[in-house]
């Protein structure tokens, strides 16, 4: 009954979940239409495992946890998530299929959400494939699995934020390369927002309120609070709000292109 009511409410607002599902399946299957998906997954798994076991010194620390594994996720996502999302709209614009897509009887929100969900699901698949690392650390010791689970959830939310930003930027250009570079640049600003290097540059002229706002927008700061083992509502709300806002901007960008 509750599911039916929610679906009816969505339909009344002009958003059809069936259409989102169709867009989702189309976009998700497109990732596997070429070997690029396998290449991306292999690169992500190799980098994630390498950063954990070698760069973070997993064996040298002799501690059964995955803090070193999740430590590098913001930096991995900074490069890899724009690579996943750069084709979402740029390819549609380059090939001219966006005009055909926009003439179909679908709401722009349905297309935007469907595309983003496909990219987010692909990122989720990449994270799921790292589960052997979790199994390994349980085999070697007795980690706090609650902390690890919270960290996976936080990592997926952060990936969703990176993807929403990258999808929005992809809608502004026909070039996938330009979409990738621009998305990585914007993502870098969010990653660096909480660093003392950035805050020190603002302290000389910005009021404390601005410093607090900039600090609160740090991907690393919010993610680290989640990896401490507590799914803090402020950090989760930050990522969810950023996703919604970026998707809204994505819709506005498509509407402007559609009107032009």
C-alpha atoms as a PDB file:
ATOM      1  CA  UNK A   1       0.000   0.000   0.000  1.00  0.00           C
ATOM      2  CA  UNK A   2       2.772   2.422   0.988  1.00  0.00           C
ATOM      3  CA  UNK A   3       4.789   1.667  -2.178  1.00  0.00           C
ATOM      4  CA  UNK A   4       1.675   2.244  -4.277  1.00  0.00           C
ATOM      5  CA  UNK A   5       1.046   5.604  -2.592  1.00  0.00           C
ATOM      6  CA  UNK A   6       4.623   6.766  -3.134  1.00  0.00           C
ATOM      7  CA  UNK A   7       4.524   5.733  -6.778  1.00  0.00           C
ATOM      8  CA  UNK A   8       1.204   7.517  -7.270  1.00  0.00           C
ATOM      9  CA  UNK A   9       2.637  10.687  -5.731  1.00  0.00           C
ATOM     10  CA  UNK A  10       5.612  10.548  -8.093  1.00  0.00           C
ATOM     11  CA  UNK A  11       3.350  10.027 -11.088  1.00  0.00           C
ATOM     12  CA  UNK A  12       1.184  12.986 -10.031  1.00  0.00           C
ATOM     13  CA  UNK A  13       4.275  15.149 -10.079  1.00  0.00           C
ATOM     14  CA  UNK A  14       5.023  14.073 -13.631  1.00  0.00           C
ATOM     15  CA  UNK A  15       7.848  11.634 -12.885  1.00  0.00           C
ATOM     16  CA  UNK A  16       7.331   8.048 -13.989  1.00  0.00           C
ATOM     17  CA  UNK A  17       9.539   5.468 -12.274  1.00  0.00           C
ATOM     18  CA  UNK A  18       9.082   3.098 -15.226  1.00  0.00           C
ATOM     19  CA  UNK A  19      10.665   5.640 -17.544  1.00  0.00           C
ATOM     20  CA  UNK A  20      13.555   6.127 -15.123  1.00  0.00           C
ATOM     21  CA  UNK A  21      13.969   2.348 -15.082  1.00  0.00           C
ATOM     22  CA  UNK A  22      14.124   2.208 -18.878  1.00  0.00           C
ATOM     23  CA  UNK A  23      16.715   4.996 -19.005  1.00  0.00           C
ATOM     24  CA  UNK A  24      18.663   3.272 -16.236  1.00  0.00           C
ATOM     25  CA  UNK A  25      18.786  -0.062 -18.079  1.00  0.00           C
ATOM     26  CA  UNK A  26      19.774   1.638 -21.334  1.00  0.00           C
ATOM     27  CA  UNK A  27      22.631   3.562 -19.737  1.00  0.00           C
ATOM     28  CA  UNK A  28      23.847   0.766 -17.475  1.00  0.00           C
ATOM     29  CA  UNK A  29      24.024  -1.726 -20.350  1.00  0.00           C
ATOM     30  CA  UNK A  30      25.888   0.880 -22.421  1.00  0.00           C
ATOM     31  CA  UNK A  31      28.804   0.663 -19.986  1.00  0.00           C
ATOM     32  CA  UNK A  32      29.267  -2.980 -20.934  1.00  0.00           C
ATOM     33  CA  UNK A  33      28.787  -2.501 -24.679  1.00  0.00           C
ATOM     34  CA  UNK A  34      32.554  -2.054 -24.975  1.00  0.00           C
ATOM     35  CA  UNK A  35      35.534  -3.466 -23.039  1.00  0.00           C
ATOM     36  CA  UNK A  36      35.971  -0.073 -21.345  1.00  0.00           C
ATOM     37  CA  UNK A  37      33.844  -1.146 -18.379  1.00  0.00           C
ATOM     38  CA  UNK A  38      36.102  -4.109 -17.676  1.00  0.00           C
ATOM     39  CA  UNK A  39      39.173  -1.892 -18.075  1.00  0.00           C
ATOM     40  CA  UNK A  40      37.764   0.689 -15.654  1.00  0.00           C
ATOM     41  CA  UNK A  41      36.832  -1.946 -13.066  1.00  0.00           C
ATOM     42  CA  UNK A  42      40.255  -3.567 -13.336  1.00  0.00           C
ATOM     43  CA  UNK A  43      42.009  -0.208 -12.900  1.00  0.00           C
ATOM     44  CA  UNK A  44      39.839   0.719  -9.920  1.00  0.00           C
ATOM     45  CA  UNK A  45      40.390  -2.619  -8.185  1.00  0.00           C
ATOM     46  CA  UNK A  46      44.141  -2.541  -8.840  1.00  0.00           C
ATOM     47  CA  UNK A  47      44.507   1.029  -7.572  1.00  0.00           C
ATOM     48  CA  UNK A  48      42.270   0.499  -4.534  1.00  0.00           C
ATOM     49  CA  UNK A  49      44.086  -2.675  -3.496  1.00  0.00           C
ATOM     50  CA  UNK A  50      47.507  -1.213  -4.262  1.00  0.00           C
ATOM     51  CA  UNK A  51      46.836   1.917  -2.223  1.00  0.00           C
ATOM     52  CA  UNK A  52      45.598  -0.184   0.686  1.00  0.00           C
ATOM     53  CA  UNK A  53      48.264  -2.872   0.856  1.00  0.00           C
ATOM     54  CA  UNK A  54      51.340  -1.024  -0.372  1.00  0.00           C
ATOM     55  CA  UNK A  55      50.981   2.766  -0.161  1.00  0.00           C
ATOM     56  CA  UNK A  56      49.049   2.789   3.143  1.00  0.00           C
ATOM     57  CA  UNK A  57      51.293   0.046   4.558  1.00  0.00           C
ATOM     58  CA  UNK A  58      48.541  -2.366   5.548  1.00  0.00           C
ATOM     59  CA  UNK A  59      50.929  -5.168   6.559  1.00  0.00           C
ATOM     60  CA  UNK A  60      53.427  -2.832   8.245  1.00  0.00           C
ATOM     61  CA  UNK A  61      50.741  -1.412  10.533  1.00  0.00           C
ATOM     62  CA  UNK A  62      49.754  -4.925  11.679  1.00  0.00           C
ATOM     63  CA  UNK A  63      46.264  -3.656  12.387  1.00  0.00           C
ATOM     64  CA  UNK A  64      43.088  -5.379  11.192  1.00  0.00           C
ATOM     65  CA  UNK A  65      41.126  -2.507   9.699  1.00  0.00           C
ATOM     66  CA  UNK A  66      40.492  -0.876   6.321  1.00  0.00           C
ATOM     67  CA  UNK A  67      41.232   2.733   7.250  1.00  0.00           C
ATOM     68  CA  UNK A  68      44.103   2.762   4.748  1.00  0.00           C
ATOM     69  CA  UNK A  69      41.793   1.358   2.076  1.00  0.00           C
ATOM     70  CA  UNK A  70      39.135   4.070   2.448  1.00  0.00           C
ATOM     71  CA  UNK A  71      41.701   6.829   3.016  1.00  0.00           C
ATOM     72  CA  UNK A  72      42.414   6.998  -0.713  1.00  0.00           C
ATOM     73  CA  UNK A  73      38.846   6.784  -2.012  1.00  0.00           C
ATOM     74  CA  UNK A  74      38.312  10.568  -2.363  1.00  0.00           C
ATOM     75  CA  UNK A  75      41.434  10.791  -4.511  1.00  0.00           C
ATOM     76  CA  UNK A  76      40.539   7.739  -6.597  1.00  0.00           C
ATOM     77  CA  UNK A  77      37.005   9.023  -7.149  1.00  0.00           C
ATOM     78  CA  UNK A  78      38.359  12.446  -8.083  1.00  0.00           C
ATOM     79  CA  UNK A  79      39.737  10.890 -11.279  1.00  0.00           C
ATOM     80  CA  UNK A  80      37.649   7.776 -11.842  1.00  0.00           C
ATOM     81  CA  UNK A  81      34.128   9.118 -11.270  1.00  0.00           C
ATOM     82  CA  UNK A  82      34.483  11.873 -13.916  1.00  0.00           C
ATOM     83  CA  UNK A  83      35.710   9.145 -16.264  1.00  0.00           C
ATOM     84  CA  UNK A  84      32.492   7.199 -15.615  1.00  0.00           C
ATOM     85  CA  UNK A  85      30.153  10.184 -16.029  1.00  0.00           C
ATOM     86  CA  UNK A  86      31.835  12.190 -18.790  1.00  0.00           C
ATOM     87  CA  UNK A  87      29.956  10.341 -21.532  1.00  0.00           C
ATOM     88  CA  UNK A  88      26.485  10.624 -19.987  1.00  0.00           C
ATOM     89  CA  UNK A  89      25.516  13.826 -21.815  1.00  0.00           C
ATOM     90  CA  UNK A  90      28.603  14.803 -23.822  1.00  0.00           C
ATOM     91  CA  UNK A  91      28.233  11.737 -26.021  1.00  0.00           C
ATOM     92  CA  UNK A  92      24.527  12.422 -26.534  1.00  0.00           C
ATOM     93  CA  UNK A  93      25.312  15.990 -27.626  1.00  0.00           C
ATOM     94  CA  UNK A  94      28.226  14.963 -29.854  1.00  0.00           C
ATOM     95  CA  UNK A  95      26.247  12.291 -31.674  1.00  0.00           C
ATOM     96  CA  UNK A  96      23.104  14.435 -31.904  1.00  0.00           C
ATOM     97  CA  UNK A  97      20.936  11.844 -30.139  1.00  0.00           C
ATOM     98  CA  UNK A  98      20.104  14.341 -27.396  1.00  0.00           C
ATOM     99  CA  UNK A  99      17.683  16.090 -29.761  1.00  0.00           C
ATOM    100  CA  UNK A 100      15.914  12.781 -30.395  1.00  0.00           C
ATOM    101  CA  UNK A 101      15.902  12.000 -26.695  1.00  0.00           C
ATOM    102  CA  UNK A 102      14.365  15.350 -25.805  1.00  0.00           C
ATOM    103  CA  UNK A 103      11.557  14.943 -28.381  1.00  0.00           C
ATOM    104  CA  UNK A 104      10.359  11.783 -26.671  1.00  0.00           C
ATOM    105  CA  UNK A 105       7.433  12.094 -24.220  1.00  0.00           C
ATOM    106  CA  UNK A 106       9.678  11.956 -21.170  1.00  0.00           C
ATOM    107  CA  UNK A 107      10.385  14.427 -18.394  1.00  0.00           C
ATOM    108  CA  UNK A 108      13.923  15.822 -18.236  1.00  0.00           C
ATOM    109  CA  UNK A 109      14.113  14.752 -14.585  1.00  0.00           C
ATOM    110  CA  UNK A 110      13.451  11.158 -15.620  1.00  0.00           C
ATOM    111  CA  UNK A 111      16.363  11.146 -18.046  1.00  0.00           C
ATOM    112  CA  UNK A 112      18.743  12.928 -15.672  1.00  0.00           C
ATOM    113  CA  UNK A 113      17.944  10.649 -12.735  1.00  0.00           C
ATOM    114  CA  UNK A 114      18.009   7.508 -14.887  1.00  0.00           C
ATOM    115  CA  UNK A 115      21.440   8.352 -16.285  1.00  0.00           C
ATOM    116  CA  UNK A 116      22.839   9.254 -12.883  1.00  0.00           C
ATOM    117  CA  UNK A 117      21.441   6.096 -11.266  1.00  0.00           C
ATOM    118  CA  UNK A 118      23.114   3.979 -13.958  1.00  0.00           C
ATOM    119  CA  UNK A 119      26.481   5.615 -13.252  1.00  0.00           C
ATOM    120  CA  UNK A 120      25.937   5.291  -9.487  1.00  0.00           C
ATOM    121  CA  UNK A 121      25.049   1.606  -9.850  1.00  0.00           C
ATOM    122  CA  UNK A 122      28.226   1.088 -11.882  1.00  0.00           C
ATOM    123  CA  UNK A 123      30.230   2.755  -9.112  1.00  0.00           C
ATOM    124  CA  UNK A 124      28.429   0.522  -6.616  1.00  0.00           C
ATOM    125  CA  UNK A 125      29.451  -2.531  -8.643  1.00  0.00           C
ATOM    126  CA  UNK A 126      33.066  -1.376  -8.485  1.00  0.00           C
ATOM    127  CA  UNK A 127      32.814  -1.106  -4.697  1.00  0.00           C
ATOM    128  CA  UNK A 128      31.149  -4.500  -4.383  1.00  0.00           C
ATOM    129  CA  UNK A 129      34.039  -6.051  -6.296  1.00  0.00           C
ATOM    130  CA  UNK A 130      36.397  -4.824  -3.563  1.00  0.00           C
ATOM    131  CA  UNK A 131      34.638  -7.032  -0.998  1.00  0.00           C
ATOM    132  CA  UNK A 132      37.488  -9.612  -1.112  1.00  0.00           C
ATOM    133  CA  UNK A 133      39.603  -6.977   0.661  1.00  0.00           C
ATOM    134  CA  UNK A 134      37.006  -6.936   3.445  1.00  0.00           C
ATOM    135  CA  UNK A 135      37.041 -10.742   3.561  1.00  0.00           C
ATOM    136  CA  UNK A 136      40.843 -10.735   3.673  1.00  0.00           C
ATOM    137  CA  UNK A 137      41.015  -8.400   6.650  1.00  0.00           C
ATOM    138  CA  UNK A 138      38.499 -10.585   8.497  1.00  0.00           C
ATOM    139  CA  UNK A 139      40.655 -13.606   7.749  1.00  0.00           C
ATOM    140  CA  UNK A 140      43.758 -11.860   9.116  1.00  0.00           C
ATOM    141  CA  UNK A 141      42.165 -10.396  12.231  1.00  0.00           C
ATOM    142  CA  UNK A 142      38.992  -9.184  13.922  1.00  0.00           C
ATOM    143  CA  UNK A 143      38.089  -5.794  12.450  1.00  0.00           C
ATOM    144  CA  UNK A 144      35.105  -3.668  13.413  1.00  0.00           C
ATOM    145  CA  UNK A 145      32.779  -4.661  10.576  1.00  0.00           C
ATOM    146  CA  UNK A 146      30.291  -1.957  11.534  1.00  0.00           C
ATOM    147  CA  UNK A 147      32.911   0.685  10.816  1.00  0.00           C
ATOM    148  CA  UNK A 148      33.761  -0.963   7.499  1.00  0.00           C
ATOM    149  CA  UNK A 149      30.083  -1.135   6.479  1.00  0.00           C
ATOM    150  CA  UNK A 150      29.592   2.541   7.383  1.00  0.00           C
ATOM    151  CA  UNK A 151      32.691   3.386   5.350  1.00  0.00           C
ATOM    152  CA  UNK A 152      31.340   1.540   2.304  1.00  0.00           C
ATOM    153  CA  UNK A 153      28.045   3.422   2.566  1.00  0.00           C
ATOM    154  CA  UNK A 154      29.879   6.723   2.906  1.00  0.00           C
ATOM    155  CA  UNK A 155      32.120   5.872  -0.029  1.00  0.00           C
ATOM    156  CA  UNK A 156      29.111   5.103  -2.225  1.00  0.00           C
ATOM    157  CA  UNK A 157      27.422   8.363  -1.226  1.00  0.00           C
ATOM    158  CA  UNK A 158      30.588  10.292  -2.014  1.00  0.00           C
ATOM    159  CA  UNK A 159      30.830   8.536  -5.388  1.00  0.00           C
ATOM    160  CA  UNK A 160      27.225   9.594  -6.062  1.00  0.00           C
ATOM    161  CA  UNK A 161      28.124  13.221  -5.340  1.00  0.00           C
ATOM    162  CA  UNK A 162      31.120  13.089  -7.681  1.00  0.00           C
ATOM    163  CA  UNK A 163      28.926  11.529 -10.379  1.00  0.00           C
ATOM    164  CA  UNK A 164      26.118  14.081  -9.983  1.00  0.00           C
ATOM    165  CA  UNK A 165      28.614  16.932 -10.389  1.00  0.00           C
ATOM    166  CA  UNK A 166      30.251  15.237 -13.377  1.00  0.00           C
ATOM    167  CA  UNK A 167      26.890  14.523 -15.024  1.00  0.00           C
ATOM    168  CA  UNK A 168      25.911  18.182 -14.676  1.00  0.00           C
ATOM    169  CA  UNK A 169      29.164  19.338 -16.264  1.00  0.00           C
ATOM    170  CA  UNK A 170      28.875  16.722 -19.012  1.00  0.00           C
ATOM    171  CA  UNK A 171      25.578  18.363 -20.032  1.00  0.00           C
ATOM    172  CA  UNK A 172      27.414  21.599 -20.790  1.00  0.00           C
ATOM    173  CA  UNK A 173      29.800  20.338 -23.466  1.00  0.00           C
ATOM    174  CA  UNK A 174      30.067  18.017 -26.455  1.00  0.00           C
ATOM    175  CA  UNK A 175      33.631  17.042 -25.581  1.00  0.00           C
ATOM    176  CA  UNK A 176      34.102  14.124 -23.209  1.00  0.00           C
ATOM    177  CA  UNK A 177      37.679  15.215 -22.572  1.00  0.00           C
ATOM    178  CA  UNK A 178      36.568  18.708 -21.562  1.00  0.00           C
ATOM    179  CA  UNK A 179      33.811  17.214 -19.408  1.00  0.00           C
ATOM    180  CA  UNK A 180      36.363  14.985 -17.674  1.00  0.00           C
ATOM    181  CA  UNK A 181      38.854  17.794 -17.007  1.00  0.00           C
ATOM    182  CA  UNK A 182      36.193  20.237 -15.802  1.00  0.00           C
ATOM    183  CA  UNK A 183      34.565  17.625 -13.538  1.00  0.00           C
ATOM    184  CA  UNK A 184      37.918  16.680 -12.028  1.00  0.00           C
ATOM    185  CA  UNK A 185      38.703  20.371 -11.425  1.00  0.00           C
ATOM    186  CA  UNK A 186      35.388  21.011  -9.647  1.00  0.00           C
ATOM    187  CA  UNK A 187      35.746  17.791  -7.676  1.00  0.00           C
ATOM    188  CA  UNK A 188      39.243  18.854  -6.646  1.00  0.00           C
ATOM    189  CA  UNK A 189      37.810  22.032  -5.109  1.00  0.00           C
ATOM    190  CA  UNK A 190      35.420  19.965  -2.980  1.00  0.00           C
ATOM    191  CA  UNK A 191      38.182  17.570  -1.958  1.00  0.00           C
ATOM    192  CA  UNK A 192      40.555  20.388  -0.971  1.00  0.00           C
ATOM    193  CA  UNK A 193      37.916  22.539   0.757  1.00  0.00           C
ATOM    194  CA  UNK A 194      38.813  21.389   4.266  1.00  0.00           C
ATOM    195  CA  UNK A 195      42.590  21.576   3.942  1.00  0.00           C
ATOM    196  CA  UNK A 196      44.494  24.155   5.990  1.00  0.00           C
ATOM    197  CA  UNK A 197      46.202  25.324   2.806  1.00  0.00           C
ATOM    198  CA  UNK A 198      42.861  26.506   1.438  1.00  0.00           C
ATOM    199  CA  UNK A 199      41.498  27.810   4.731  1.00  0.00           C
ATOM    200  CA  UNK A 200      44.718  29.759   5.398  1.00  0.00           C
ATOM    201  CA  UNK A 201      44.268  31.570   2.099  1.00  0.00           C
ATOM    202  CA  UNK A 202      40.744  32.582   3.111  1.00  0.00           C
ATOM    203  CA  UNK A 203      41.474  33.528   6.706  1.00  0.00           C
ATOM    204  CA  UNK A 204      43.104  36.837   5.786  1.00  0.00           C
ATOM    205  CA  UNK A 205      39.935  38.283   4.279  1.00  0.00           C
ATOM    206  CA  UNK A 206      36.953  35.951   4.768  1.00  0.00           C
ATOM    207  CA  UNK A 207      34.744  36.096   7.881  1.00  0.00           C
ATOM    208  CA  UNK A 208      34.542  33.002  10.148  1.00  0.00           C
ATOM    209  CA  UNK A 209      31.129  32.098   8.700  1.00  0.00           C
ATOM    210  CA  UNK A 210      32.636  31.716   5.219  1.00  0.00           C
ATOM    211  CA  UNK A 211      35.451  29.577   6.619  1.00  0.00           C
ATOM    212  CA  UNK A 212      32.932  27.321   8.355  1.00  0.00           C
ATOM    213  CA  UNK A 213      30.900  26.950   5.153  1.00  0.00           C
ATOM    214  CA  UNK A 214      33.982  26.099   3.087  1.00  0.00           C
ATOM    215  CA  UNK A 215      35.178  23.623   5.722  1.00  0.00           C
ATOM    216  CA  UNK A 216      31.756  21.972   5.854  1.00  0.00           C
ATOM    217  CA  UNK A 217      31.849  21.354   2.085  1.00  0.00           C
ATOM    218  CA  UNK A 218      34.986  19.222   2.264  1.00  0.00           C
ATOM    219  CA  UNK A 219      34.472  15.766   0.766  1.00  0.00           C
ATOM    220  CA  UNK A 220      37.369  14.385   2.789  1.00  0.00           C
ATOM    221  CA  UNK A 221      36.157  15.923   6.051  1.00  0.00           C
ATOM    222  CA  UNK A 222      32.608  14.596   5.676  1.00  0.00           C
ATOM    223  CA  UNK A 223      33.813  11.208   4.484  1.00  0.00           C
ATOM    224  CA  UNK A 224      36.269  10.833   7.365  1.00  0.00           C
ATOM    225  CA  UNK A 225      33.497  11.476   9.861  1.00  0.00           C
ATOM    226  CA  UNK A 226      31.580   8.569   8.331  1.00  0.00           C
ATOM    227  CA  UNK A 227      34.647   6.284   8.262  1.00  0.00           C
ATOM    228  CA  UNK A 228      35.000   6.841  12.006  1.00  0.00           C
ATOM    229  CA  UNK A 229      32.146   4.342  12.222  1.00  0.00           C
ATOM    230  CA  UNK A 230      29.199   6.644  12.750  1.00  0.00           C
ATOM    231  CA  UNK A 231      26.791   7.461   9.931  1.00  0.00           C
ATOM    232  CA  UNK A 232      26.550  11.091  11.012  1.00  0.00           C
ATOM    233  CA  UNK A 233      23.425  12.754   9.701  1.00  0.00           C
ATOM    234  CA  UNK A 234      25.122  16.084   8.820  1.00  0.00           C
ATOM    235  CA  UNK A 235      27.665  14.310   6.599  1.00  0.00           C
ATOM    236  CA  UNK A 236      25.036  12.122   4.967  1.00  0.00           C
ATOM    237  CA  UNK A 237      22.736  15.114   4.458  1.00  0.00           C
ATOM    238  CA  UNK A 238      25.636  16.998   2.879  1.00  0.00           C
ATOM    239  CA  UNK A 239      26.241  14.327   0.242  1.00  0.00           C
ATOM    240  CA  UNK A 240      22.529  13.750  -0.439  1.00  0.00           C
ATOM    241  CA  UNK A 241      21.841  17.500  -0.684  1.00  0.00           C
ATOM    242  CA  UNK A 242      24.780  17.994  -3.032  1.00  0.00           C
ATOM    243  CA  UNK A 243      23.537  15.150  -5.242  1.00  0.00           C
ATOM    244  CA  UNK A 244      20.031  16.632  -5.441  1.00  0.00           C
ATOM    245  CA  UNK A 245      21.362  20.134  -6.114  1.00  0.00           C
ATOM    246  CA  UNK A 246      23.750  18.938  -8.840  1.00  0.00           C
ATOM    247  CA  UNK A 247      20.973  16.916 -10.508  1.00  0.00           C
ATOM    248  CA  UNK A 248      18.720  19.980 -10.363  1.00  0.00           C
ATOM    249  CA  UNK A 249      21.442  22.024 -12.075  1.00  0.00           C
ATOM    250  CA  UNK A 250      21.739  19.206 -14.619  1.00  0.00           C
ATOM    251  CA  UNK A 251      18.033  19.525 -15.403  1.00  0.00           C
ATOM    252  CA  UNK A 252      18.327  23.301 -15.750  1.00  0.00           C
ATOM    253  CA  UNK A 253      21.258  22.913 -18.151  1.00  0.00           C
ATOM    254  CA  UNK A 254      19.310  20.463 -20.320  1.00  0.00           C
ATOM    255  CA  UNK A 255      16.224  22.692 -20.270  1.00  0.00           C
ATOM    256  CA  UNK A 256      18.307  25.651 -21.467  1.00  0.00           C
ATOM    257  CA  UNK A 257      19.814  23.584 -24.276  1.00  0.00           C
ATOM    258  CA  UNK A 258      16.375  22.257 -25.141  1.00  0.00           C
ATOM    259  CA  UNK A 259      14.875  25.750 -25.297  1.00  0.00           C
ATOM    260  CA  UNK A 260      17.734  26.983 -27.468  1.00  0.00           C
END
